[in-house]
Amino acid sequence: MTHGQPMIRAVPGPGFAAGRTVSTWMHTGGLTNPMAYVLIGHAPPRRPDLTCASAEAGLMGMVNAMRLRPAAERVPIIGARLIIRGPYVALDYGHPHFFMRFPVPRPGVA
């Protein structure tokens, strides 16, 4: 890696994606089209093979694959990455073979 070039990290597999914490919400006020937001994070490591550094590298691999930017920058349009089938929602997080499935919301939770 040369100075000034961003570090590219590997996109994590389904085991890593399944262990993430996810929060979702919709913003509909004042917009012609609703905007879906997704916050993906990780709890403190609970397995010996997962460290804070490896969890960060996995999350940053997802960030690189989806071409995301820091919250202080203009939010990029990353395309249609949410797949909705009935009550099930999944995210195309950049892995060539797997999606990340989101938890089904509880009744009465928007």
PDB file of N, CA and C in Angstrom:
ATOM      1  N   MET A   1       0.845  -1.163   0.000  1.00  0.00           N
ATOM      2  CA  MET A   1       0.000   0.000   0.000  1.00  0.00           C
ATOM      3  C   MET A   1       0.897   1.234   0.000  1.00  0.00           C
ATOM      4  N   THR A   2       0.623   2.161  -0.897  1.00  0.00           N
ATOM      5  CA  THR A   2       1.392   3.388  -0.934  1.00  0.00           C
ATOM      6  C   THR A   2       0.649   4.468  -0.179  1.00  0.00           C
ATOM      7  N   HIS A   3       1.374   5.512   0.178  1.00  0.00           N
ATOM      8  CA  HIS A   3       0.782   6.611   0.933  1.00  0.00           C
ATOM      9  C   HIS A   3      -0.383   7.223   0.156  1.00  0.00           C
ATOM     10  N   GLY A   4      -1.508   7.433   0.826  1.00  0.00           N
ATOM     11  CA  GLY A   4      -2.657   8.069   0.201  1.00  0.00           C
ATOM     12  C   GLY A   4      -3.669   7.112  -0.394  1.00  0.00           C
ATOM     13  N   GLN A   5      -3.312   5.853  -0.570  1.00  0.00           N
ATOM     14  CA  GLN A   5      -4.263   4.886  -1.105  1.00  0.00           C
ATOM     15  C   GLN A   5      -5.007   4.232   0.045  1.00  0.00           C
ATOM     16  N   PRO A   6      -6.332   4.054  -0.100  1.00  0.00           N
ATOM     17  CA  PRO A   6      -7.082   3.424   0.987  1.00  0.00           C
ATOM     18  C   PRO A   6      -6.754   1.942   1.120  1.00  0.00           C
ATOM     19  N   MET A   7      -6.840   1.442   2.342  1.00  0.00           N
ATOM     20  CA  MET A   7      -6.630   0.015   2.589  1.00  0.00           C
ATOM     21  C   MET A   7      -7.897  -0.733   2.169  1.00  0.00           C
ATOM     22  N   ILE A   8      -7.733  -1.770   1.395  1.00  0.00           N
ATOM     23  CA  ILE A   8      -8.858  -2.602   0.980  1.00  0.00           C
ATOM     24  C   ILE A   8      -8.832  -3.862   1.839  1.00  0.00           C
ATOM     25  N   ARG A   9      -9.948  -4.155   2.477  1.00  0.00           N
ATOM     26  CA  ARG A   9     -10.044  -5.321   3.359  1.00  0.00           C
ATOM     27  C   ARG A   9     -10.956  -6.359   2.720  1.00  0.00           C
ATOM     28  N   ALA A  10     -10.755  -7.609   3.090  1.00  0.00           N
ATOM     29  CA  ALA A  10     -11.570  -8.706   2.563  1.00  0.00           C
ATOM     30  C   ALA A  10     -12.999  -8.613   3.089  1.00  0.00           C
ATOM     31  N   VAL A  11     -13.946  -8.996   2.237  1.00  0.00           N
ATOM     32  CA  VAL A  11     -15.344  -9.061   2.652  1.00  0.00           C
ATOM     33  C   VAL A  11     -15.506 -10.299   3.527  1.00  0.00           C
ATOM     34  N   PRO A  12     -16.060 -10.155   4.739  1.00  0.00           N
ATOM     35  CA  PRO A  12     -16.182 -11.309   5.626  1.00  0.00           C
ATOM     36  C   PRO A  12     -17.250 -12.292   5.148  1.00  0.00           C
ATOM     37  N   GLY A  13     -17.124 -13.514   5.611  1.00  0.00           N
ATOM     38  CA  GLY A  13     -18.070 -14.560   5.247  1.00  0.00           C
ATOM     39  C   GLY A  13     -19.350 -14.518   6.069  1.00  0.00           C
ATOM     40  N   PRO A  14     -20.234 -15.474   5.825  1.00  0.00           N
ATOM     41  CA  PRO A  14     -21.536 -15.468   6.479  1.00  0.00           C
ATOM     42  C   PRO A  14     -21.476 -15.675   7.988  1.00  0.00           C
ATOM     43  N   GLY A  15     -20.490 -16.404   8.495  1.00  0.00           N
ATOM     44  CA  GLY A  15     -20.376 -16.602   9.942  1.00  0.00           C
ATOM     45  C   GLY A  15     -20.140 -15.289  10.664  1.00  0.00           C
ATOM     46  N   PHE A  16     -19.285 -14.449  10.105  1.00  0.00           N
ATOM     47  CA  PHE A  16     -19.023 -13.140  10.691  1.00  0.00           C
ATOM     48  C   PHE A  16     -20.274 -12.267  10.602  1.00  0.00           C
ATOM     49  N   ALA A  17     -20.896 -12.215   9.433  1.00  0.00           N
ATOM     50  CA  ALA A  17     -22.079 -11.365   9.237  1.00  0.00           C
ATOM     51  C   ALA A  17     -23.222 -11.770  10.158  1.00  0.00           C
ATOM     52  N   ALA A  18     -23.404 -13.062  10.379  1.00  0.00           N
ATOM     53  CA  ALA A  18     -24.508 -13.529  11.230  1.00  0.00           C
ATOM     54  C   ALA A  18     -24.328 -13.125  12.686  1.00  0.00           C
ATOM     55  N   GLY A  19     -23.113 -12.871  13.112  1.00  0.00           N
ATOM     56  CA  GLY A  19     -22.859 -12.516  14.500  1.00  0.00           C
ATOM     57  C   GLY A  19     -22.914 -11.026  14.794  1.00  0.00           C
ATOM     58  N   ARG A  20     -23.270 -10.214  13.835  1.00  0.00           N
ATOM     59  CA  ARG A  20     -23.301  -8.769  14.036  1.00  0.00           C
ATOM     60  C   ARG A  20     -24.606  -8.317  14.679  1.00  0.00           C
ATOM     61  N   THR A  21     -24.552  -7.183  15.338  1.00  0.00           N
ATOM     62  CA  THR A  21     -25.770  -6.562  15.878  1.00  0.00           C
ATOM     63  C   THR A  21     -26.273  -5.582  14.823  1.00  0.00           C
ATOM     64  N   VAL A  22     -27.594  -5.522  14.664  1.00  0.00           N
ATOM     65  CA  VAL A  22     -28.186  -4.710  13.602  1.00  0.00           C
ATOM     66  C   VAL A  22     -29.332  -3.888  14.160  1.00  0.00           C
ATOM     67  N   SER A  23     -29.380  -2.629  13.754  1.00  0.00           N
ATOM     68  CA  SER A  23     -30.514  -1.764  14.056  1.00  0.00           C
ATOM     69  C   SER A  23     -30.961  -1.141  12.738  1.00  0.00           C
ATOM     70  N   THR A  24     -32.251  -1.118  12.500  1.00  0.00           N
ATOM     71  CA  THR A  24     -32.789  -0.556  11.261  1.00  0.00           C
ATOM     72  C   THR A  24     -33.871   0.454  11.575  1.00  0.00           C
ATOM     73  N   TRP A  25     -34.051   1.415  10.694  1.00  0.00           N
ATOM     74  CA  TRP A  25     -35.155   2.364  10.823  1.00  0.00           C
ATOM     75  C   TRP A  25     -35.414   3.008   9.469  1.00  0.00           C
ATOM     76  N   MET A  26     -36.592   3.610   9.343  1.00  0.00           N
ATOM     77  CA  MET A  26     -36.997   4.302   8.116  1.00  0.00           C
ATOM     78  C   MET A  26     -37.196   5.778   8.433  1.00  0.00           C
ATOM     79  N   HIS A  27     -36.765   6.629   7.526  1.00  0.00           N
ATOM     80  CA  HIS A  27     -37.044   8.055   7.640  1.00  0.00           C
ATOM     81  C   HIS A  27     -38.005   8.406   6.512  1.00  0.00           C
ATOM     82  N   THR A  28     -39.202   8.836   6.872  1.00  0.00           N
ATOM     83  CA  THR A  28     -40.212   9.153   5.863  1.00  0.00           C
ATOM     84  C   THR A  28     -40.637  10.609   5.907  1.00  0.00           C
ATOM     85  N   GLY A  29     -40.323  11.344   6.952  1.00  0.00           N
ATOM     86  CA  GLY A  29     -40.785  12.718   7.110  1.00  0.00           C
ATOM     87  C   GLY A  29     -40.202  13.675   6.093  1.00  0.00           C
ATOM     88  N   GLY A  30     -41.083  14.270   5.288  1.00  0.00           N
ATOM     89  CA  GLY A  30     -40.671  15.313   4.365  1.00  0.00           C
ATOM     90  C   GLY A  30     -39.962  14.835   3.110  1.00  0.00           C
ATOM     91  N   LEU A  31     -39.821  13.554   2.929  1.00  0.00           N
ATOM     92  CA  LEU A  31     -39.145  13.049   1.737  1.00  0.00           C
ATOM     93  C   LEU A  31     -40.153  12.487   0.752  1.00  0.00           C
ATOM     94  N   THR A  32     -39.860  12.609  -0.540  1.00  0.00           N
ATOM     95  CA  THR A  32     -40.740  12.002  -1.523  1.00  0.00           C
ATOM     96  C   THR A  32     -40.571  10.493  -1.539  1.00  0.00           C
ATOM     97  N   ASN A  33     -39.359  10.041  -1.250  1.00  0.00           N
ATOM     98  CA  ASN A  33     -39.084   8.608  -1.171  1.00  0.00           C
ATOM     99  C   ASN A  33     -38.556   8.290   0.223  1.00  0.00           C
ATOM    100  N   PRO A  34     -39.121   7.290   0.890  1.00  0.00           N
ATOM    101  CA  PRO A  34     -38.588   6.924   2.211  1.00  0.00           C
ATOM    102  C   PRO A  34     -37.130   6.475   2.102  1.00  0.00           C
ATOM    103  N   MET A  35     -36.367   6.697   3.163  1.00  0.00           N
ATOM    104  CA  MET A  35     -34.957   6.307   3.201  1.00  0.00           C
ATOM    105  C   MET A  35     -34.769   5.281   4.304  1.00  0.00           C
ATOM    106  N   ALA A  36     -34.201   4.127   3.950  1.00  0.00           N
ATOM    107  CA  ALA A  36     -33.926   3.081   4.931  1.00  0.00           C
ATOM    108  C   ALA A  36     -32.514   3.269   5.466  1.00  0.00           C
ATOM    109  N   TYR A  37     -32.361   3.141   6.785  1.00  0.00           N
ATOM    110  CA  TYR A  37     -31.057   3.233   7.429  1.00  0.00           C
ATOM    111  C   TYR A  37     -30.756   1.921   8.141  1.00  0.00           C
ATOM    112  N   VAL A  38     -29.492   1.546   8.123  1.00  0.00           N
ATOM    113  CA  VAL A  38     -29.038   0.320   8.776  1.00  0.00           C
ATOM    114  C   VAL A  38     -27.778   0.657   9.560  1.00  0.00           C
ATOM    115  N   LEU A  39     -27.759   0.282  10.827  1.00  0.00           N
ATOM    116  CA  LEU A  39     -26.571   0.433  11.658  1.00  0.00           C
ATOM    117  C   LEU A  39     -26.096  -0.967  12.014  1.00  0.00           C
ATOM    118  N   ILE A  40     -24.868  -1.299  11.627  1.00  0.00           N
ATOM    119  CA  ILE A  40     -24.301  -2.617  11.887  1.00  0.00           C
ATOM    120  C   ILE A  40     -23.108  -2.436  12.814  1.00  0.00           C
ATOM    121  N   GLY A  41     -23.076  -3.200  13.872  1.00  0.00           N
ATOM    122  CA  GLY A  41     -21.979  -3.112  14.822  1.00  0.00           C
ATOM    123  C   GLY A  41     -21.622  -4.489  15.340  1.00  0.00           C
ATOM    124  N   HIS A  42     -20.822  -4.514  16.378  1.00  0.00           N
ATOM    125  CA  HIS A  42     -20.458  -5.791  16.986  1.00  0.00           C
ATOM    126  C   HIS A  42     -20.399  -5.634  18.493  1.00  0.00           C
ATOM    127  N   ALA A  43     -20.799  -6.669  19.158  1.00  0.00           N
ATOM    128  CA  ALA A  43     -20.686  -6.733  20.616  1.00  0.00           C
ATOM    129  C   ALA A  43     -19.242  -7.108  20.945  1.00  0.00           C
ATOM    130  N   PRO A  44     -18.829  -6.964  22.190  1.00  0.00           N
ATOM    131  CA  PRO A  44     -17.474  -7.411  22.544  1.00  0.00           C
ATOM    132  C   PRO A  44     -17.265  -8.874  22.145  1.00  0.00           C
ATOM    133  N   PRO A  45     -16.070  -9.196  21.675  1.00  0.00           N
ATOM    134  CA  PRO A  45     -15.796 -10.578  21.227  1.00  0.00           C
ATOM    135  C   PRO A  45     -16.083 -11.607  22.319  1.00  0.00           C
ATOM    136  N   ARG A  46     -16.736 -12.704  21.911  1.00  0.00           N
ATOM    137  CA  ARG A  46     -17.075 -13.778  22.849  1.00  0.00           C
ATOM    138  C   ARG A  46     -16.420 -15.101  22.489  1.00  0.00           C
ATOM    139  N   ARG A  47     -15.795 -15.146  21.310  1.00  0.00           N
ATOM    140  CA  ARG A  47     -15.119 -16.365  20.878  1.00  0.00           C
ATOM    141  C   ARG A  47     -13.620 -16.118  20.892  1.00  0.00           C
ATOM    142  N   PRO A  48     -12.832 -17.163  21.162  1.00  0.00           N
ATOM    143  CA  PRO A  48     -11.379 -16.974  21.202  1.00  0.00           C
ATOM    144  C   PRO A  48     -10.789 -16.532  19.861  1.00  0.00           C
ATOM    145  N   ASP A  49     -11.431 -16.907  18.751  1.00  0.00           N
ATOM    146  CA  ASP A  49     -10.884 -16.561  17.434  1.00  0.00           C
ATOM    147  C   ASP A  49     -11.316 -15.176  16.957  1.00  0.00           C
ATOM    148  N   LEU A  50     -12.110 -14.458  17.760  1.00  0.00           N
ATOM    149  CA  LEU A  50     -12.561 -13.122  17.382  1.00  0.00           C
ATOM    150  C   LEU A  50     -12.003 -12.106  18.372  1.00  0.00           C
ATOM    151  N   THR A  51     -11.272 -11.151  17.856  1.00  0.00           N
ATOM    152  CA  THR A  51     -10.721 -10.084  18.681  1.00  0.00           C
ATOM    153  C   THR A  51     -11.359  -8.764  18.249  1.00  0.00           C
ATOM    154  N   CYS A  52     -11.135  -7.726  19.008  1.00  0.00           N
ATOM    155  CA  CYS A  52     -11.634  -6.405  18.601  1.00  0.00           C
ATOM    156  C   CYS A  52     -11.052  -6.016  17.244  1.00  0.00           C
ATOM    157  N   ALA A  53      -9.779  -6.324  17.027  1.00  0.00           N
ATOM    158  CA  ALA A  53      -9.127  -5.984  15.761  1.00  0.00           C
ATOM    159  C   ALA A  53      -9.728  -6.777  14.595  1.00  0.00           C
ATOM    160  N   SER A  54     -10.004  -8.060  14.789  1.00  0.00           N
ATOM    161  CA  SER A  54     -10.573  -8.851  13.690  1.00  0.00           C
ATOM    162  C   SER A  54     -12.028  -8.456  13.422  1.00  0.00           C
ATOM    163  N   ALA A  55     -12.765  -8.083  14.496  1.00  0.00           N
ATOM    164  CA  ALA A  55     -14.138  -7.611  14.299  1.00  0.00           C
ATOM    165  C   ALA A  55     -14.132  -6.301  13.512  1.00  0.00           C
ATOM    166  N   GLU A  56     -13.216  -5.412  13.859  1.00  0.00           N
ATOM    167  CA  GLU A  56     -13.110  -4.142  13.126  1.00  0.00           C
ATOM    168  C   GLU A  56     -12.728  -4.387  11.669  1.00  0.00           C
ATOM    169  N   ALA A  57     -11.786  -5.296  11.427  1.00  0.00           N
ATOM    170  CA  ALA A  57     -11.376  -5.599  10.056  1.00  0.00           C
ATOM    171  C   ALA A  57     -12.546  -6.164   9.252  1.00  0.00           C
ATOM    172  N   GLY A  58     -13.369  -7.020   9.874  1.00  0.00           N
ATOM    173  CA  GLY A  58     -14.534  -7.573   9.179  1.00  0.00           C
ATOM    174  C   GLY A  58     -15.549  -6.491   8.840  1.00  0.00           C
ATOM    175  N   LEU A  59     -15.839  -5.618   9.801  1.00  0.00           N
ATOM    176  CA  LEU A  59     -16.777  -4.527   9.550  1.00  0.00           C
ATOM    177  C   LEU A  59     -16.238  -3.587   8.464  1.00  0.00           C
ATOM    178  N   MET A  60     -14.949  -3.304   8.511  1.00  0.00           N
ATOM    179  CA  MET A  60     -14.361  -2.427   7.501  1.00  0.00           C
ATOM    180  C   MET A  60     -14.327  -3.098   6.128  1.00  0.00           C
ATOM    181  N   GLY A  61     -14.248  -4.421   6.094  1.00  0.00           N
ATOM    182  CA  GLY A  61     -14.371  -5.137   4.826  1.00  0.00           C
ATOM    183  C   GLY A  61     -15.751  -4.941   4.221  1.00  0.00           C
ATOM    184  N   MET A  62     -16.782  -4.941   5.073  1.00  0.00           N
ATOM    185  CA  MET A  62     -18.142  -4.671   4.601  1.00  0.00           C
ATOM    186  C   MET A  62     -18.249  -3.229   4.101  1.00  0.00           C
ATOM    187  N   VAL A  63     -17.636  -2.308   4.837  1.00  0.00           N
ATOM    188  CA  VAL A  63     -17.630  -0.891   4.447  1.00  0.00           C
ATOM    189  C   VAL A  63     -16.986  -0.724   3.072  1.00  0.00           C
ATOM    190  N   ASN A  64     -15.825  -1.331   2.871  1.00  0.00           N
ATOM    191  CA  ASN A  64     -15.141  -1.232   1.579  1.00  0.00           C
ATOM    192  C   ASN A  64     -15.993  -1.815   0.457  1.00  0.00           C
ATOM    193  N   ALA A  65     -16.589  -2.975   0.689  1.00  0.00           N
ATOM    194  CA  ALA A  65     -17.366  -3.652  -0.353  1.00  0.00           C
ATOM    195  C   ALA A  65     -18.590  -2.847  -0.762  1.00  0.00           C
ATOM    196  N   MET A  66     -19.184  -2.119   0.203  1.00  0.00           N
ATOM    197  CA  MET A  66     -20.380  -1.331  -0.110  1.00  0.00           C
ATOM    198  C   MET A  66     -20.057   0.120  -0.461  1.00  0.00           C
ATOM    199  N   ARG A  67     -18.765   0.473  -0.487  1.00  0.00           N
ATOM    200  CA  ARG A  67     -18.316   1.829  -0.813  1.00  0.00           C
ATOM    201  C   ARG A  67     -18.931   2.879   0.118  1.00  0.00           C
ATOM    202  N   LEU A  68     -18.975   2.567   1.421  1.00  0.00           N
ATOM    203  CA  LEU A  68     -19.524   3.501   2.399  1.00  0.00           C
ATOM    204  C   LEU A  68     -18.483   4.549   2.770  1.00  0.00           C
ATOM    205  N   ARG A  69     -18.928   5.598   3.419  1.00  0.00           N
ATOM    206  CA  ARG A  69     -18.067   6.697   3.845  1.00  0.00           C
ATOM    207  C   ARG A  69     -18.361   7.044   5.294  1.00  0.00           C
ATOM    208  N   PRO A  70     -17.455   7.775   5.964  1.00  0.00           N
ATOM    209  CA  PRO A  70     -17.730   8.218   7.335  1.00  0.00           C
ATOM    210  C   PRO A  70     -19.001   9.074   7.394  1.00  0.00           C
ATOM    211  N   ALA A  71     -19.670   9.052   8.534  1.00  0.00           N
ATOM    212  CA  ALA A  71     -20.926   9.781   8.703  1.00  0.00           C
ATOM    213  C   ALA A  71     -20.758  11.278   8.483  1.00  0.00           C
ATOM    214  N   ALA A  72     -19.568  11.818   8.716  1.00  0.00           N
ATOM    215  CA  ALA A  72     -19.340  13.251   8.534  1.00  0.00           C
ATOM    216  C   ALA A  72     -19.293  13.643   7.055  1.00  0.00           C
ATOM    217  N   GLU A  73     -19.108  12.672   6.168  1.00  0.00           N
ATOM    218  CA  GLU A  73     -19.081  12.951   4.733  1.00  0.00           C
ATOM    219  C   GLU A  73     -20.477  12.788   4.152  1.00  0.00           C
ATOM    220  N   ARG A  74     -20.645  13.222   2.928  1.00  0.00           N
ATOM    221  CA  ARG A  74     -21.933  13.070   2.249  1.00  0.00           C
ATOM    222  C   ARG A  74     -22.240  11.577   2.128  1.00  0.00           C
ATOM    223  N   VAL A  75     -23.459  11.210   2.483  1.00  0.00           N
ATOM    224  CA  VAL A  75     -23.862   9.805   2.434  1.00  0.00           C
ATOM    225  C   VAL A  75     -23.973   9.381   0.966  1.00  0.00           C
ATOM    226  N   PRO A  76     -23.222   8.352   0.567  1.00  0.00           N
ATOM    227  CA  PRO A  76     -23.291   7.937  -0.838  1.00  0.00           C
ATOM    228  C   PRO A  76     -24.536   7.108  -1.111  1.00  0.00           C
ATOM    229  N   ILE A  77     -24.986   7.155  -2.329  1.00  0.00           N
ATOM    230  CA  ILE A  77     -26.052   6.254  -2.764  1.00  0.00           C
ATOM    231  C   ILE A  77     -25.359   4.963  -3.169  1.00  0.00           C
ATOM    232  N   ILE A  78     -25.694   3.885  -2.484  1.00  0.00           N
ATOM    233  CA  ILE A  78     -24.979   2.631  -2.727  1.00  0.00           C
ATOM    234  C   ILE A  78     -25.807   1.640  -3.535  1.00  0.00           C
ATOM    235  N   GLY A  79     -26.968   2.077  -3.998  1.00  0.00           N
ATOM    236  CA  GLY A  79     -27.777   1.214  -4.841  1.00  0.00           C
ATOM    237  C   GLY A  79     -28.722   0.347  -4.036  1.00  0.00           C
ATOM    238  N   ALA A  80     -29.424  -0.487  -4.744  1.00  0.00           N
ATOM    239  CA  ALA A  80     -30.426  -1.368  -4.135  1.00  0.00           C
ATOM    240  C   ALA A  80     -29.719  -2.542  -3.473  1.00  0.00           C
ATOM    241  N   ARG A  81     -29.489  -2.453  -2.181  1.00  0.00           N
ATOM    242  CA  ARG A  81     -28.797  -3.507  -1.447  1.00  0.00           C
ATOM    243  C   ARG A  81     -29.711  -4.261  -0.496  1.00  0.00           C
ATOM    244  N   LEU A  82     -30.920  -3.762  -0.259  1.00  0.00           N
ATOM    245  CA  LEU A  82     -31.855  -4.460   0.616  1.00  0.00           C
ATOM    246  C   LEU A  82     -32.761  -5.349  -0.214  1.00  0.00           C
ATOM    247  N   ILE A  83     -32.896  -6.581   0.203  1.00  0.00           N
ATOM    248  CA  ILE A  83     -33.760  -7.553  -0.454  1.00  0.00           C
ATOM    249  C   ILE A  83     -34.901  -7.830   0.516  1.00  0.00           C
ATOM    250  N   ILE A  84     -36.130  -7.585   0.087  1.00  0.00           N
ATOM    251  CA  ILE A  84     -37.298  -7.745   0.962  1.00  0.00           C
ATOM    252  C   ILE A  84     -38.210  -8.799   0.367  1.00  0.00           C
ATOM    253  N   ARG A  85     -38.486  -9.840   1.154  1.00  0.00           N
ATOM    254  CA  ARG A  85     -39.398 -10.919   0.756  1.00  0.00           C
ATOM    255  C   ARG A  85     -40.341 -11.159   1.923  1.00  0.00           C
ATOM    256  N   GLY A  86     -41.556 -10.599   1.849  1.00  0.00           N
ATOM    257  CA  GLY A  86     -42.500 -10.714   2.968  1.00  0.00           C
ATOM    258  C   GLY A  86     -41.902 -10.054   4.194  1.00  0.00           C
ATOM    259  N   PRO A  87     -41.889 -10.752   5.323  1.00  0.00           N
ATOM    260  CA  PRO A  87     -41.343 -10.142   6.534  1.00  0.00           C
ATOM    261  C   PRO A  87     -39.811 -10.235   6.625  1.00  0.00           C
ATOM    262  N   TYR A  88     -39.175 -10.839   5.629  1.00  0.00           N
ATOM    263  CA  TYR A  88     -37.730 -11.068   5.688  1.00  0.00           C
ATOM    264  C   TYR A  88     -36.977  -9.998   4.898  1.00  0.00           C
ATOM    265  N   VAL A  89     -35.903  -9.501   5.504  1.00  0.00           N
ATOM    266  CA  VAL A  89     -35.061  -8.494   4.868  1.00  0.00           C
ATOM    267  C   VAL A  89     -33.612  -8.956   4.958  1.00  0.00           C
ATOM    268  N   ALA A  90     -32.902  -8.816   3.867  1.00  0.00           N
ATOM    269  CA  ALA A  90     -31.483  -9.172   3.838  1.00  0.00           C
ATOM    270  C   ALA A  90     -30.716  -8.044   3.165  1.00  0.00           C
ATOM    271  N   LEU A  91     -29.429  -7.980   3.466  1.00  0.00           N
ATOM    272  CA  LEU A  91     -28.550  -6.956   2.926  1.00  0.00           C
ATOM    273  C   LEU A  91     -27.504  -7.594   2.035  1.00  0.00           C
ATOM    274  N   ASP A  92     -27.351  -7.066   0.829  1.00  0.00           N
ATOM    275  CA  ASP A  92     -26.236  -7.441  -0.027  1.00  0.00           C
ATOM    276  C   ASP A  92     -25.046  -6.620   0.462  1.00  0.00           C
ATOM    277  N   TYR A  93     -24.205  -7.233   1.296  1.00  0.00           N
ATOM    278  CA  TYR A  93     -23.106  -6.500   1.915  1.00  0.00           C
ATOM    279  C   TYR A  93     -21.794  -6.627   1.145  1.00  0.00           C
ATOM    280  N   GLY A  94     -21.861  -7.159  -0.053  1.00  0.00           N
ATOM    281  CA  GLY A  94     -20.686  -7.217  -0.903  1.00  0.00           C
ATOM    282  C   GLY A  94     -20.057  -8.577  -1.063  1.00  0.00           C
ATOM    283  N   HIS A  95     -20.517  -9.573  -0.323  1.00  0.00           N
ATOM    284  CA  HIS A  95     -19.975 -10.927  -0.484  1.00  0.00           C
ATOM    285  C   HIS A  95     -20.510 -11.502  -1.795  1.00  0.00           C
ATOM    286  N   PRO A  96     -19.682 -12.204  -2.551  1.00  0.00           N
ATOM    287  CA  PRO A  96     -20.150 -12.703  -3.847  1.00  0.00           C
ATOM    288  C   PRO A  96     -21.206 -13.808  -3.780  1.00  0.00           C
ATOM    289  N   HIS A  97     -21.378 -14.471  -2.608  1.00  0.00           N
ATOM    290  CA  HIS A  97     -22.300 -15.604  -2.545  1.00  0.00           C
ATOM    291  C   HIS A  97     -23.353 -15.507  -1.442  1.00  0.00           C
ATOM    292  N   PHE A  98     -23.201 -14.594  -0.486  1.00  0.00           N
ATOM    293  CA  PHE A  98     -24.086 -14.568   0.676  1.00  0.00           C
ATOM    294  C   PHE A  98     -24.647 -13.180   0.932  1.00  0.00           C
ATOM    295  N   PHE A  99     -25.849 -13.145   1.525  1.00  0.00           N
ATOM    296  CA  PHE A  99     -26.473 -11.926   2.020  1.00  0.00           C
ATOM    297  C   PHE A  99     -26.488 -11.989   3.538  1.00  0.00           C
ATOM    298  N   MET A 100     -26.676 -10.853   4.164  1.00  0.00           N
ATOM    299  CA  MET A 100     -26.802 -10.781   5.621  1.00  0.00           C
ATOM    300  C   MET A 100     -28.277 -10.584   5.942  1.00  0.00           C
ATOM    301  N   ARG A 101     -28.885 -11.571   6.581  1.00  0.00           N
ATOM    302  CA  ARG A 101     -30.311 -11.493   6.911  1.00  0.00           C
ATOM    303  C   ARG A 101     -30.504 -10.691   8.191  1.00  0.00           C
ATOM    304  N   PHE A 102     -31.489  -9.804   8.179  1.00  0.00           N
ATOM    305  CA  PHE A 102     -31.803  -8.981   9.344  1.00  0.00           C
ATOM    306  C   PHE A 102     -32.847  -9.676  10.198  1.00  0.00           C
ATOM    307  N   PRO A 103     -32.856  -9.385  11.493  1.00  0.00           N
ATOM    308  CA  PRO A 103     -33.896  -9.961  12.359  1.00  0.00           C
ATOM    309  C   PRO A 103     -35.273  -9.448  11.923  1.00  0.00           C
ATOM    310  N   VAL A 104     -36.279 -10.289  12.086  1.00  0.00           N
ATOM    311  CA  VAL A 104     -37.657  -9.886  11.790  1.00  0.00           C
ATOM    312  C   VAL A 104     -38.122  -8.975  12.915  1.00  0.00           C
ATOM    313  N   PRO A 105     -38.656  -7.782  12.595  1.00  0.00           N
ATOM    314  CA  PRO A 105     -39.105  -6.882  13.668  1.00  0.00           C
ATOM    315  C   PRO A 105     -40.235  -7.488  14.492  1.00  0.00           C
ATOM    316  N   ARG A 106     -40.254  -7.115  15.746  1.00  0.00           N
ATOM    317  CA  ARG A 106     -41.363  -7.556  16.614  1.00  0.00           C
ATOM    318  C   ARG A 106     -42.654  -6.886  16.157  1.00  0.00           C
ATOM    319  N   PRO A 107     -43.802  -7.496  16.389  1.00  0.00           N
ATOM    320  CA  PRO A 107     -45.077  -6.845  16.030  1.00  0.00           C
ATOM    321  C   PRO A 107     -45.202  -5.486  16.714  1.00  0.00           C
ATOM    322  N   GLY A 108     -45.671  -4.498  15.947  1.00  0.00           N
ATOM    323  CA  GLY A 108     -45.866  -3.171  16.488  1.00  0.00           C
ATOM    324  C   GLY A 108     -44.629  -2.308  16.480  1.00  0.00           C
ATOM    325  N   VAL A 109     -43.488  -2.826  16.013  1.00  0.00           N
ATOM    326  CA  VAL A 109     -42.259  -2.043  15.950  1.00  0.00           C
ATOM    327  C   VAL A 109     -42.038  -1.653  14.499  1.00  0.00           C
ATOM    328  N   ALA A 110     -41.918  -0.367  14.240  1.00  0.00           N
ATOM    329  CA  ALA A 110     -41.724   0.098  12.862  1.00  0.00           C
ATOM    330  C   ALA A 110     -40.250   0.263  12.582  1.00  0.00           C
TER     331      ALA A 110
END
